Amino acid sequence: MTNDRTQARLLPSIVRLSLGALLIISPWVWGYAQQRMPAASAILSGTIIARLGLSGNSRLRE
């Protein structure tokens, strides 16, 4: 069951996950995948943001 608190926490997590995924694929979309540092920075930061989005969806239960 979902309550208001769960739904309020779900939307920011989905937004973080989506933005992280966009950052991960951005080097190929914008054509700078051959440049090592900008591409690595986008992939690394996208991975971190996506992981934060995923961690917001899971919680420990008793």
N, C-alpha and C. Protein backbone atom coordinates (compact mmCIF):
# COMPACT_ATOMS: atom_id res chain seq x y z
N MET A 1 0.83 -1.18 0.00
CA MET A 1 0.00 0.00 0.00
C MET A 1 0.88 1.25 0.00
N THR A 2 0.41 2.23 -0.69
CA THR A 2 1.14 3.49 -0.70
C THR A 2 0.32 4.55 0.02
N ASN A 3 1.03 5.35 0.77
CA ASN A 3 0.36 6.47 1.41
C ASN A 3 0.95 7.75 0.84
N ASP A 4 0.53 8.89 1.36
CA ASP A 4 0.98 10.17 0.82
C ASP A 4 2.48 10.36 0.99
N ARG A 5 3.04 9.90 2.09
CA ARG A 5 4.47 10.07 2.33
C ARG A 5 5.28 9.25 1.33
N THR A 6 4.84 8.04 1.04
CA THR A 6 5.54 7.19 0.08
C THR A 6 5.48 7.80 -1.32
N GLN A 7 4.32 8.31 -1.71
CA GLN A 7 4.19 8.93 -3.02
C GLN A 7 5.00 10.21 -3.12
N ALA A 8 5.11 10.96 -2.03
CA ALA A 8 5.89 12.19 -2.04
C ALA A 8 7.38 11.88 -2.16
N ARG A 9 7.84 10.74 -1.67
CA ARG A 9 9.25 10.36 -1.77
C ARG A 9 9.55 9.69 -3.10
N LEU A 10 8.56 9.15 -3.78
CA LEU A 10 8.77 8.43 -5.01
C LEU A 10 9.07 9.35 -6.19
N LEU A 11 8.40 10.46 -6.29
CA LEU A 11 8.60 11.36 -7.43
C LEU A 11 10.01 11.92 -7.52
N PRO A 12 10.61 12.44 -6.45
CA PRO A 12 12.00 12.90 -6.57
C PRO A 12 12.97 11.78 -6.92
N SER A 13 12.71 10.58 -6.45
CA SER A 13 13.58 9.45 -6.78
C SER A 13 13.51 9.12 -8.27
N ILE A 14 12.33 9.17 -8.82
CA ILE A 14 12.16 8.90 -10.25
C ILE A 14 12.83 10.00 -11.07
N VAL A 15 12.72 11.24 -10.63
CA VAL A 15 13.37 12.35 -11.33
C VAL A 15 14.89 12.19 -11.29
N ARG A 16 15.45 11.85 -10.13
CA ARG A 16 16.89 11.63 -10.02
C ARG A 16 17.36 10.49 -10.91
N LEU A 17 16.61 9.41 -10.93
CA LEU A 17 16.96 8.27 -11.76
C LEU A 17 16.94 8.65 -13.24
N SER A 18 15.93 9.39 -13.65
CA SER A 18 15.82 9.82 -15.05
C SER A 18 16.95 10.76 -15.44
N LEU A 19 17.26 11.72 -14.59
CA LEU A 19 18.34 12.65 -14.89
C LEU A 19 19.69 11.94 -14.92
N GLY A 20 19.89 10.99 -14.04
CA GLY A 20 21.12 10.20 -14.07
C GLY A 20 21.26 9.42 -15.35
N ALA A 21 20.16 8.82 -15.81
CA ALA A 21 20.19 8.07 -17.07
C ALA A 21 20.48 9.00 -18.25
N LEU A 22 19.92 10.19 -18.24
CA LEU A 22 20.21 11.15 -19.30
C LEU A 22 21.67 11.58 -19.30
N LEU A 23 22.24 11.75 -18.12
CA LEU A 23 23.66 12.10 -18.05
C LEU A 23 24.54 10.96 -18.56
N ILE A 24 24.15 9.73 -18.28
CA ILE A 24 24.95 8.59 -18.72
C ILE A 24 24.96 8.49 -20.24
N ILE A 25 23.84 8.73 -20.91
CA ILE A 25 23.80 8.59 -22.36
C ILE A 25 24.16 9.88 -23.10
N SER A 26 24.35 10.98 -22.39
CA SER A 26 24.61 12.26 -23.05
C SER A 26 25.88 12.30 -23.90
N PRO A 27 26.98 11.64 -23.54
CA PRO A 27 28.15 11.69 -24.44
C PRO A 27 27.87 11.16 -25.84
N TRP A 28 27.02 10.15 -25.95
CA TRP A 28 26.71 9.59 -27.27
C TRP A 28 25.65 10.43 -27.98
N VAL A 29 24.73 11.01 -27.23
CA VAL A 29 23.70 11.84 -27.85
C VAL A 29 24.30 13.13 -28.40
N TRP A 30 25.16 13.77 -27.65
CA TRP A 30 25.74 15.05 -28.05
C TRP A 30 27.03 14.91 -28.83
N GLY A 31 27.56 13.71 -28.97
CA GLY A 31 28.70 13.46 -29.83
C GLY A 31 30.06 13.76 -29.24
N TYR A 32 30.20 13.71 -27.94
CA TYR A 32 31.52 13.92 -27.35
C TYR A 32 32.02 12.68 -26.61
N ALA A 33 31.61 11.53 -27.08
CA ALA A 33 32.03 10.28 -26.44
C ALA A 33 33.51 9.99 -26.66
N GLN A 34 34.12 10.56 -27.71
CA GLN A 34 35.53 10.32 -27.98
C GLN A 34 36.43 11.15 -27.06
N GLN A 35 35.91 12.20 -26.48
CA GLN A 35 36.70 13.02 -25.55
C GLN A 35 36.63 12.38 -24.18
N ARG A 36 37.78 11.95 -23.68
CA ARG A 36 37.81 11.11 -22.48
C ARG A 36 37.29 11.80 -21.22
N MET A 37 37.80 12.95 -20.89
CA MET A 37 37.46 13.57 -19.60
C MET A 37 36.00 14.02 -19.52
N PRO A 38 35.46 14.74 -20.53
CA PRO A 38 34.05 15.12 -20.41
C PRO A 38 33.11 13.91 -20.40
N ALA A 39 33.42 12.91 -21.21
CA ALA A 39 32.56 11.73 -21.25
C ALA A 39 32.63 10.96 -19.93
N ALA A 40 33.82 10.80 -19.39
CA ALA A 40 33.97 10.09 -18.12
C ALA A 40 33.27 10.85 -16.99
N SER A 41 33.37 12.16 -17.02
CA SER A 41 32.71 12.97 -16.00
C SER A 41 31.19 12.82 -16.07
N ALA A 42 30.64 12.85 -17.28
CA ALA A 42 29.19 12.70 -17.43
C ALA A 42 28.73 11.32 -17.01
N ILE A 43 29.48 10.30 -17.39
CA ILE A 43 29.09 8.93 -17.04
C ILE A 43 29.19 8.70 -15.53
N LEU A 44 30.27 9.18 -14.93
CA LEU A 44 30.44 8.99 -13.49
C LEU A 44 29.38 9.75 -12.69
N SER A 45 29.16 11.00 -13.03
CA SER A 45 28.15 11.77 -12.29
C SER A 45 26.75 11.24 -12.55
N GLY A 46 26.48 10.78 -13.76
CA GLY A 46 25.18 10.17 -14.04
C GLY A 46 24.95 8.91 -13.26
N THR A 47 26.01 8.11 -13.11
CA THR A 47 25.90 6.88 -12.33
C THR A 47 25.63 7.18 -10.87
N ILE A 48 26.30 8.18 -10.33
CA ILE A 48 26.09 8.54 -8.92
C ILE A 48 24.66 9.05 -8.71
N ILE A 49 24.19 9.91 -9.60
CA ILE A 49 22.84 10.46 -9.45
C ILE A 49 21.79 9.36 -9.62
N ALA A 50 22.00 8.46 -10.57
CA ALA A 50 21.05 7.36 -10.77
C ALA A 50 21.03 6.43 -9.55
N ARG A 51 22.20 6.17 -8.97
CA ARG A 51 22.24 5.34 -7.76
C ARG A 51 21.51 6.00 -6.60
N LEU A 52 21.63 7.32 -6.49
CA LEU A 52 20.88 8.03 -5.45
C LEU A 52 19.38 7.92 -5.69
N GLY A 53 18.99 7.97 -6.94
CA GLY A 53 17.58 7.80 -7.26
C GLY A 53 17.07 6.41 -6.93
N LEU A 54 17.89 5.41 -7.18
CA LEU A 54 17.49 4.04 -6.85
C LEU A 54 17.46 3.81 -5.35
N SER A 55 18.40 4.42 -4.63
CA SER A 55 18.43 4.19 -3.19
C SER A 55 17.26 4.86 -2.48
N GLY A 56 16.69 5.86 -3.09
CA GLY A 56 15.51 6.49 -2.50
C GLY A 56 14.28 5.63 -2.60
N ASN A 57 14.26 4.68 -3.53
CA ASN A 57 13.11 3.81 -3.70
C ASN A 57 13.13 2.62 -2.75
N SER A 58 14.30 2.26 -2.28
CA SER A 58 14.37 1.10 -1.39
C SER A 58 14.53 1.57 0.05
N ARG A 59 13.91 0.84 0.93
CA ARG A 59 14.09 1.14 2.35
C ARG A 59 14.01 -0.18 3.13
N LEU A 60 14.69 -0.18 4.23
CA LEU A 60 14.73 -1.37 5.06
C LEU A 60 13.44 -1.50 5.86
N ARG A 61 12.96 -2.70 5.92
CA ARG A 61 11.74 -2.96 6.68
C ARG A 61 12.06 -3.92 7.81
N GLU A 62 11.28 -3.84 8.84
CA GLU A 62 11.48 -4.71 9.99
C GLU A 62 10.99 -6.11 9.71
